[in-house]
Amino acid sequence: MGSGKTSLVTALAGSLAMDIYVVTLSS
């Protein structure tokens, strides 16, 4: 398991957190 998978998970978590952040702001 190299750093490629880790960065993928990090990017996924980052975009997910961004979605939640935007939804929280707009509501």
PDB file of N, CA and C in Angstrom:
ATOM      1  N   MET A   1       0.836  -1.194   0.000  1.00  0.00           N
ATOM      2  CA  MET A   1       0.000   0.000   0.000  1.00  0.00           C
ATOM      3  C   MET A   1       0.878   1.254   0.000  1.00  0.00           C
ATOM      4  N   GLY A   2       0.997   1.877  -1.150  1.00  0.00           N
ATOM      5  CA  GLY A   2       1.861   3.046  -1.259  1.00  0.00           C
ATOM      6  C   GLY A   2       1.139   4.318  -0.870  1.00  0.00           C
ATOM      7  N   SER A   3       1.785   5.439  -1.156  1.00  0.00           N
ATOM      8  CA  SER A   3       1.211   6.735  -0.796  1.00  0.00           C
ATOM      9  C   SER A   3       0.102   7.131  -1.773  1.00  0.00           C
ATOM     10  N   GLY A   4       0.008   6.432  -2.891  1.00  0.00           N
ATOM     11  CA  GLY A   4      -1.013   6.755  -3.879  1.00  0.00           C
ATOM     12  C   GLY A   4      -2.406   6.547  -3.319  1.00  0.00           C
ATOM     13  N   LYS A   5      -2.575   5.424  -2.603  1.00  0.00           N
ATOM     14  CA  LYS A   5      -3.876   5.140  -2.022  1.00  0.00           C
ATOM     15  C   LYS A   5      -4.193   6.129  -0.905  1.00  0.00           C
ATOM     16  N   THR A   6      -3.165   6.488  -0.148  1.00  0.00           N
ATOM     17  CA  THR A   6      -3.363   7.421   0.966  1.00  0.00           C
ATOM     18  C   THR A   6      -3.816   8.779   0.452  1.00  0.00           C
ATOM     19  N   SER A   7      -3.160   9.251  -0.602  1.00  0.00           N
ATOM     20  CA  SER A   7      -3.508  10.567  -1.140  1.00  0.00           C
ATOM     21  C   SER A   7      -4.899  10.540  -1.759  1.00  0.00           C
ATOM     22  N   LEU A   8      -5.283   9.387  -2.300  1.00  0.00           N
ATOM     23  CA  LEU A   8      -6.615   9.258  -2.879  1.00  0.00           C
ATOM     24  C   LEU A   8      -7.670   9.385  -1.787  1.00  0.00           C
ATOM     25  N   VAL A   9      -7.426   8.690  -0.674  1.00  0.00           N
ATOM     26  CA  VAL A   9      -8.350   8.749   0.460  1.00  0.00           C
ATOM     27  C   VAL A   9      -8.406  10.162   1.023  1.00  0.00           C
ATOM     28  N   THR A  10      -7.247  10.805   1.085  1.00  0.00           N
ATOM     29  CA  THR A  10      -7.179  12.173   1.611  1.00  0.00           C
ATOM     30  C   THR A  10      -7.974  13.124   0.718  1.00  0.00           C
ATOM     31  N   ALA A  11      -7.827  12.964  -0.588  1.00  0.00           N
ATOM     32  CA  ALA A  11      -8.548  13.819  -1.527  1.00  0.00           C
ATOM     33  C   ALA A  11     -10.050  13.566  -1.425  1.00  0.00           C
ATOM     34  N   LEU A  12     -10.405  12.301  -1.261  1.00  0.00           N
ATOM     35  CA  LEU A  12     -11.811  11.931  -1.143  1.00  0.00           C
ATOM     36  C   LEU A  12     -12.410  12.548   0.119  1.00  0.00           C
ATOM     37  N   ALA A  13     -11.691  12.418   1.229  1.00  0.00           N
ATOM     38  CA  ALA A  13     -12.156  12.975   2.503  1.00  0.00           C
ATOM     39  C   ALA A  13     -12.230  14.490   2.417  1.00  0.00           C
ATOM     40  N   GLY A  14     -11.270  15.089   1.709  1.00  0.00           N
ATOM     41  CA  GLY A  14     -11.241  16.538   1.576  1.00  0.00           C
ATOM     42  C   GLY A  14     -12.441  17.056   0.810  1.00  0.00           C
ATOM     43  N   SER A  15     -12.778  16.389  -0.285  1.00  0.00           N
ATOM     44  CA  SER A  15     -13.916  16.838  -1.086  1.00  0.00           C
ATOM     45  C   SER A  15     -15.225  16.606  -0.341  1.00  0.00           C
ATOM     46  N   LEU A  16     -15.262  15.517   0.421  1.00  0.00           N
ATOM     47  CA  LEU A  16     -16.459  15.217   1.199  1.00  0.00           C
ATOM     48  C   LEU A  16     -16.658  16.268   2.283  1.00  0.00           C
ATOM     49  N   ALA A  17     -15.573  16.641   2.952  1.00  0.00           N
ATOM     50  CA  ALA A  17     -15.633  17.661   3.998  1.00  0.00           C
ATOM     51  C   ALA A  17     -16.042  18.998   3.403  1.00  0.00           C
ATOM     52  N   MET A  18     -15.580  19.265   2.189  1.00  0.00           N
ATOM     53  CA  MET A  18     -15.910  20.517   1.520  1.00  0.00           C
ATOM     54  C   MET A  18     -17.407  20.561   1.221  1.00  0.00           C
ATOM     55  N   ASP A  19     -17.962  19.431   0.777  1.00  0.00           N
ATOM     56  CA  ASP A  19     -19.396  19.361   0.498  1.00  0.00           C
ATOM     57  C   ASP A  19     -20.194  19.649   1.760  1.00  0.00           C
ATOM     58  N   ILE A  20     -19.806  19.018   2.861  1.00  0.00           N
ATOM     59  CA  ILE A  20     -20.500  19.208   4.134  1.00  0.00           C
ATOM     60  C   ILE A  20     -20.392  20.659   4.577  1.00  0.00           C
ATOM     61  N   TYR A  21     -19.210  21.242   4.375  1.00  0.00           N
ATOM     62  CA  TYR A  21     -18.968  22.630   4.764  1.00  0.00           C
ATOM     63  C   TYR A  21     -19.878  23.577   3.992  1.00  0.00           C
ATOM     64  N   VAL A  22     -19.988  23.337   2.686  1.00  0.00           N
ATOM     65  CA  VAL A  22     -20.824  24.180   1.831  1.00  0.00           C
ATOM     66  C   VAL A  22     -22.296  24.036   2.216  1.00  0.00           C
ATOM     67  N   VAL A  23     -22.725  22.810   2.476  1.00  0.00           N
ATOM     68  CA  VAL A  23     -24.116  22.565   2.856  1.00  0.00           C
ATOM     69  C   VAL A  23     -24.430  23.246   4.182  1.00  0.00           C
ATOM     70  N   THR A  24     -23.475  23.189   5.107  1.00  0.00           N
ATOM     71  CA  THR A  24     -23.671  23.814   6.415  1.00  0.00           C
ATOM     72  C   THR A  24     -23.782  25.325   6.268  1.00  0.00           C
ATOM     73  N   LEU A  25     -22.976  25.886   5.377  1.00  0.00           N
ATOM     74  CA  LEU A  25     -22.996  27.330   5.166  1.00  0.00           C
ATOM     75  C   LEU A  25     -24.319  27.787   4.559  1.00  0.00           C
ATOM     76  N   SER A  26     -24.809  27.049   3.574  1.00  0.00           N
ATOM     77  CA  SER A  26     -25.977  27.486   2.828  1.00  0.00           C
ATOM     78  C   SER A  26     -27.283  27.255   3.585  1.00  0.00           C
ATOM     79  N   SER A  27     -27.263  26.413   4.609  1.00  0.00           N
ATOM     80  CA  SER A  27     -28.501  26.115   5.317  1.00  0.00           C
ATOM     81  C   SER A  27     -28.732  27.016   6.513  1.00  0.00           C
TER      82      SER A  27
END
